[in-house]
N, C-alpha and C. Protein backbone atom coordinates (compact mmCIF):
# COMPACT_ATOMS: atom_id res chain seq x y z
N MET A 1 34.03 40.80 18.30
CA MET A 1 34.22 40.20 16.98
C MET A 1 33.31 40.89 15.96
N THR A 2 33.80 41.02 14.75
CA THR A 2 32.96 41.54 13.66
C THR A 2 32.01 40.44 13.20
N LEU A 3 31.04 40.80 12.38
CA LEU A 3 30.11 39.81 11.85
C LEU A 3 30.87 38.78 11.01
N GLY A 4 31.79 39.25 10.19
CA GLY A 4 32.58 38.34 9.37
C GLY A 4 33.39 37.36 10.21
N GLU A 5 34.02 37.84 11.27
CA GLU A 5 34.79 36.97 12.16
C GLU A 5 33.89 35.96 12.84
N THR A 6 32.66 36.38 13.15
CA THR A 6 31.70 35.47 13.79
C THR A 6 31.32 34.34 12.84
N LEU A 7 31.10 34.66 11.57
CA LEU A 7 30.76 33.62 10.59
C LEU A 7 31.90 32.64 10.42
N ILE A 8 33.13 33.14 10.39
CA ILE A 8 34.29 32.25 10.29
C ILE A 8 34.39 31.36 11.52
N SER A 9 34.13 31.93 12.70
CA SER A 9 34.17 31.14 13.94
C SER A 9 33.09 30.06 13.92
N ALA A 10 31.89 30.41 13.46
CA ALA A 10 30.80 29.43 13.38
C ALA A 10 31.18 28.30 12.43
N TRP A 11 31.75 28.64 11.27
CA TRP A 11 32.21 27.62 10.32
C TRP A 11 33.26 26.73 10.96
N GLN A 12 34.25 27.35 11.62
CA GLN A 12 35.34 26.58 12.21
C GLN A 12 34.82 25.56 13.22
N GLN A 13 33.91 26.00 14.06
CA GLN A 13 33.39 25.11 15.09
C GLN A 13 32.51 24.00 14.51
N ALA A 14 31.62 24.37 13.57
CA ALA A 14 30.67 23.40 13.02
C ALA A 14 31.29 22.50 11.95
N MET A 15 32.08 23.08 11.05
CA MET A 15 32.61 22.32 9.92
C MET A 15 34.06 21.89 10.16
N GLY A 16 34.88 22.81 10.61
CA GLY A 16 36.29 22.51 10.82
C GLY A 16 36.52 21.54 11.96
N ASP A 17 35.89 21.82 13.10
CA ASP A 17 36.07 20.99 14.29
C ASP A 17 35.02 19.88 14.39
N GLY A 18 33.92 20.01 13.63
CA GLY A 18 32.86 19.00 13.66
C GLY A 18 32.11 18.94 14.99
N ARG A 19 32.01 20.06 15.65
CA ARG A 19 31.35 20.08 16.96
C ARG A 19 29.83 19.94 16.84
N GLY A 20 29.22 19.45 17.89
CA GLY A 20 27.77 19.29 17.94
C GLY A 20 27.06 20.55 18.37
N ASP A 21 27.83 21.51 18.87
CA ASP A 21 27.29 22.82 19.18
C ASP A 21 28.41 23.84 19.03
N ILE A 22 28.03 25.09 18.84
CA ILE A 22 29.03 26.14 18.71
C ILE A 22 28.82 27.16 19.83
N GLU A 23 29.86 27.86 20.17
CA GLU A 23 29.77 28.90 21.19
C GLU A 23 30.18 30.22 20.58
N LEU A 24 29.29 31.19 20.67
CA LEU A 24 29.53 32.53 20.16
C LEU A 24 29.12 33.54 21.21
N GLU A 25 30.03 34.42 21.56
CA GLU A 25 29.76 35.49 22.51
C GLU A 25 29.11 34.96 23.79
N GLY A 26 29.62 33.83 24.29
CA GLY A 26 29.15 33.28 25.55
C GLY A 26 27.86 32.49 25.47
N LYS A 27 27.28 32.34 24.29
CA LYS A 27 26.05 31.57 24.12
C LYS A 27 26.34 30.33 23.29
N THR A 28 25.60 29.26 23.57
CA THR A 28 25.79 27.99 22.87
C THR A 28 24.60 27.75 21.95
N TYR A 29 24.90 27.31 20.73
CA TYR A 29 23.86 27.02 19.73
C TYR A 29 24.10 25.62 19.18
N PRO A 30 23.04 24.80 19.09
CA PRO A 30 23.23 23.42 18.59
C PRO A 30 23.43 23.38 17.08
N VAL A 31 24.29 22.48 16.65
CA VAL A 31 24.44 22.18 15.22
C VAL A 31 23.52 21.00 14.95
N THR A 32 22.57 21.20 14.06
CA THR A 32 21.61 20.15 13.75
C THR A 32 21.92 19.58 12.37
N VAL A 33 21.23 18.50 12.02
CA VAL A 33 21.37 17.89 10.70
C VAL A 33 19.98 17.87 10.07
N SER A 34 19.88 18.41 8.85
CA SER A 34 18.58 18.43 8.18
C SER A 34 18.12 17.01 7.90
N LYS A 35 16.83 16.78 8.04
CA LYS A 35 16.28 15.44 7.90
C LYS A 35 16.33 14.94 6.46
N VAL A 36 16.07 15.80 5.51
CA VAL A 36 15.96 15.37 4.12
C VAL A 36 17.33 15.15 3.47
N LYS A 37 18.22 16.12 3.60
CA LYS A 37 19.49 16.04 2.87
C LYS A 37 20.70 15.73 3.75
N GLY A 38 20.50 15.70 5.05
CA GLY A 38 21.59 15.35 5.96
C GLY A 38 22.70 16.39 6.04
N LEU A 39 22.34 17.66 5.83
CA LEU A 39 23.31 18.75 5.87
C LEU A 39 23.34 19.38 7.26
N ARG A 40 24.53 19.75 7.71
CA ARG A 40 24.66 20.42 9.00
C ARG A 40 24.11 21.84 8.91
N MET A 41 23.44 22.26 9.99
CA MET A 41 22.84 23.59 10.06
C MET A 41 23.03 24.14 11.46
N VAL A 42 23.13 25.46 11.54
CA VAL A 42 23.20 26.12 12.84
C VAL A 42 22.53 27.49 12.72
N GLU A 43 21.73 27.82 13.73
CA GLU A 43 21.07 29.12 13.78
C GLU A 43 21.59 29.84 15.01
N PHE A 44 21.94 31.13 14.82
CA PHE A 44 22.46 31.90 15.95
C PHE A 44 22.19 33.38 15.74
N ASN A 45 22.35 34.13 16.81
CA ASN A 45 22.14 35.57 16.78
C ASN A 45 23.47 36.29 16.86
N VAL A 46 23.58 37.36 16.09
CA VAL A 46 24.71 38.27 16.18
C VAL A 46 24.10 39.65 16.31
N GLY A 47 24.11 40.19 17.51
CA GLY A 47 23.43 41.46 17.73
C GLY A 47 21.97 41.31 17.35
N PRO A 48 21.45 42.22 16.50
CA PRO A 48 20.04 42.14 16.10
C PRO A 48 19.78 41.18 14.94
N TYR A 49 20.81 40.52 14.45
CA TYR A 49 20.68 39.68 13.26
C TYR A 49 20.54 38.21 13.60
N ARG A 50 19.58 37.54 12.97
CA ARG A 50 19.42 36.09 13.08
C ARG A 50 20.11 35.50 11.86
N ILE A 51 21.11 34.65 12.09
CA ILE A 51 21.90 34.07 11.02
C ILE A 51 21.65 32.56 10.99
N VAL A 52 21.52 32.02 9.80
CA VAL A 52 21.39 30.58 9.61
C VAL A 52 22.57 30.12 8.74
N GLY A 53 23.34 29.18 9.24
CA GLY A 53 24.43 28.59 8.48
C GLY A 53 24.03 27.21 8.00
N ILE A 54 24.24 26.93 6.72
CA ILE A 54 23.85 25.66 6.12
C ILE A 54 25.04 25.09 5.35
N GLU A 55 25.37 23.85 5.63
CA GLU A 55 26.44 23.18 4.90
C GLU A 55 26.11 23.13 3.42
N GLN A 56 27.10 23.35 2.57
CA GLN A 56 26.89 23.30 1.12
C GLN A 56 26.52 21.89 0.69
N ASN A 57 25.43 21.79 -0.06
CA ASN A 57 24.98 20.51 -0.60
C ASN A 57 25.87 20.15 -1.80
N PRO A 58 26.64 19.08 -1.72
CA PRO A 58 27.52 18.73 -2.84
C PRO A 58 26.78 18.13 -4.03
N LYS A 59 25.48 17.88 -3.89
CA LYS A 59 24.72 17.23 -4.96
C LYS A 59 24.02 18.22 -5.89
N THR A 60 24.30 19.51 -5.74
CA THR A 60 23.70 20.49 -6.66
C THR A 60 24.68 20.78 -7.79
N GLY A 61 24.29 21.66 -8.68
CA GLY A 61 25.13 21.94 -9.85
C GLY A 61 25.98 23.19 -9.73
N SER A 62 26.03 23.83 -8.58
CA SER A 62 26.78 25.08 -8.44
C SER A 62 28.28 24.85 -8.37
N ARG A 63 29.04 25.92 -8.55
CA ARG A 63 30.50 25.79 -8.42
C ARG A 63 30.89 25.52 -6.98
N TRP A 64 30.08 26.00 -6.03
CA TRP A 64 30.35 25.71 -4.62
C TRP A 64 30.15 24.22 -4.34
N ALA A 65 29.14 23.63 -4.97
CA ALA A 65 28.90 22.20 -4.81
C ALA A 65 30.07 21.41 -5.40
N GLU A 66 30.60 21.88 -6.51
CA GLU A 66 31.76 21.21 -7.11
C GLU A 66 32.95 21.24 -6.14
N LEU A 67 33.16 22.39 -5.50
CA LEU A 67 34.24 22.49 -4.51
C LEU A 67 33.98 21.56 -3.33
N ALA A 68 32.71 21.45 -2.92
CA ALA A 68 32.36 20.54 -1.82
C ALA A 68 32.63 19.09 -2.22
N ARG A 69 32.31 18.74 -3.46
CA ARG A 69 32.59 17.38 -3.93
C ARG A 69 34.09 17.08 -3.94
N GLU A 70 34.90 18.12 -4.12
CA GLU A 70 36.35 17.97 -4.11
C GLU A 70 36.91 17.87 -2.69
N GLY A 71 36.03 18.01 -1.69
CA GLY A 71 36.47 17.88 -0.30
C GLY A 71 36.54 19.16 0.49
N ASN A 72 36.23 20.29 -0.13
CA ASN A 72 36.22 21.56 0.60
C ASN A 72 35.01 21.62 1.52
N ARG A 73 35.21 22.14 2.71
CA ARG A 73 34.12 22.30 3.67
C ARG A 73 33.58 23.71 3.55
N ILE A 74 32.31 23.81 3.17
CA ILE A 74 31.69 25.10 2.85
C ILE A 74 30.39 25.23 3.62
N MET A 75 30.18 26.42 4.18
CA MET A 75 28.92 26.73 4.84
C MET A 75 28.40 28.04 4.27
N GLN A 76 27.14 28.01 3.83
CA GLN A 76 26.45 29.20 3.32
C GLN A 76 25.71 29.84 4.48
N PHE A 77 25.67 31.18 4.51
CA PHE A 77 25.00 31.89 5.60
C PHE A 77 23.89 32.77 5.05
N ARG A 78 22.72 32.68 5.74
CA ARG A 78 21.54 33.45 5.37
C ARG A 78 21.18 34.41 6.49
N CYS A 79 20.66 35.56 6.09
CA CYS A 79 20.13 36.54 7.03
C CYS A 79 18.93 37.18 6.36
N ARG A 80 17.84 37.29 7.08
CA ARG A 80 16.61 37.88 6.54
C ARG A 80 16.18 37.22 5.22
N GLY A 81 16.37 35.90 5.14
CA GLY A 81 15.92 35.15 3.98
C GLY A 81 16.81 35.23 2.75
N ARG A 82 17.99 35.86 2.87
CA ARG A 82 18.88 35.99 1.72
C ARG A 82 20.26 35.44 2.06
N TYR A 83 20.89 34.81 1.07
CA TYR A 83 22.26 34.35 1.27
C TYR A 83 23.17 35.57 1.26
N VAL A 84 23.93 35.75 2.35
CA VAL A 84 24.76 36.94 2.48
C VAL A 84 26.25 36.63 2.38
N ALA A 85 26.64 35.38 2.63
CA ALA A 85 28.06 35.03 2.60
C ALA A 85 28.22 33.53 2.65
N ASN A 86 29.46 33.10 2.39
CA ASN A 86 29.82 31.72 2.66
C ASN A 86 31.23 31.71 3.24
N VAL A 87 31.56 30.63 3.89
CA VAL A 87 32.92 30.41 4.36
C VAL A 87 33.36 29.07 3.77
N CYS A 88 34.45 29.12 3.02
CA CYS A 88 35.03 27.93 2.39
C CYS A 88 36.42 27.74 2.96
N GLU A 89 36.61 26.66 3.67
CA GLU A 89 37.91 26.35 4.27
C GLU A 89 38.49 27.54 5.04
N GLY A 90 37.61 28.21 5.79
CA GLY A 90 38.04 29.29 6.66
C GLY A 90 38.11 30.66 6.03
N LYS A 91 37.79 30.76 4.74
CA LYS A 91 37.85 32.04 4.05
C LYS A 91 36.44 32.57 3.79
N LEU A 92 36.19 33.80 4.22
CA LEU A 92 34.88 34.44 4.09
C LEU A 92 34.74 35.09 2.72
N LEU A 93 33.57 34.86 2.08
CA LEU A 93 33.21 35.55 0.85
C LEU A 93 31.85 36.19 1.07
N ARG A 94 31.80 37.50 1.00
CA ARG A 94 30.53 38.22 1.15
C ARG A 94 29.84 38.29 -0.21
N TYR A 95 28.50 38.11 -0.20
CA TYR A 95 27.70 38.23 -1.41
C TYR A 95 27.13 39.66 -1.49
N PRO A 96 26.64 40.07 -2.66
CA PRO A 96 26.05 41.41 -2.79
C PRO A 96 24.93 41.68 -1.78
N ALA A 97 24.21 40.66 -1.35
CA ALA A 97 23.12 40.85 -0.38
C ALA A 97 23.64 41.41 0.94
N TRP A 98 24.91 41.18 1.25
CA TRP A 98 25.51 41.72 2.49
C TRP A 98 25.34 43.23 2.51
N LYS A 99 25.73 43.88 1.41
CA LYS A 99 25.62 45.34 1.33
C LYS A 99 24.17 45.77 1.17
N ALA A 100 23.39 45.01 0.40
CA ALA A 100 21.99 45.35 0.20
C ALA A 100 21.22 45.38 1.51
N LEU A 101 21.57 44.46 2.42
CA LEU A 101 20.91 44.42 3.73
C LEU A 101 21.60 45.34 4.73
N GLU A 102 22.65 46.02 4.29
CA GLU A 102 23.41 46.96 5.12
C GLU A 102 23.95 46.30 6.38
N LEU A 103 24.48 45.06 6.21
CA LEU A 103 25.09 44.38 7.33
C LEU A 103 26.44 45.04 7.63
N PRO A 104 26.83 45.06 8.91
CA PRO A 104 28.11 45.69 9.24
C PRO A 104 29.28 44.87 8.72
N GLU A 105 30.36 45.56 8.37
CA GLU A 105 31.55 44.88 7.87
C GLU A 105 32.11 44.03 8.98
């Protein structure tokens, strides 16, 4: 699987299916809930990259939060401390940081 396909799979399992853990490349990673805001989170490895997926907080002022308030399921993904992509209802959107960090397509 490509990195993009992996992010979509992580979203599908955590947000689409609502699973308590996700399975990627034969490894299982727990989906946790943040204590303060109650958002789903998952941390996993893809090759040498440590990825953190965080459910979009619908209580912020961003356009993604507006979509979340409308019922869209969105997960933002971070790598090396930068947001690199999100998956909204199964569709991947790469951010400029993806290329800046030279992540594989």
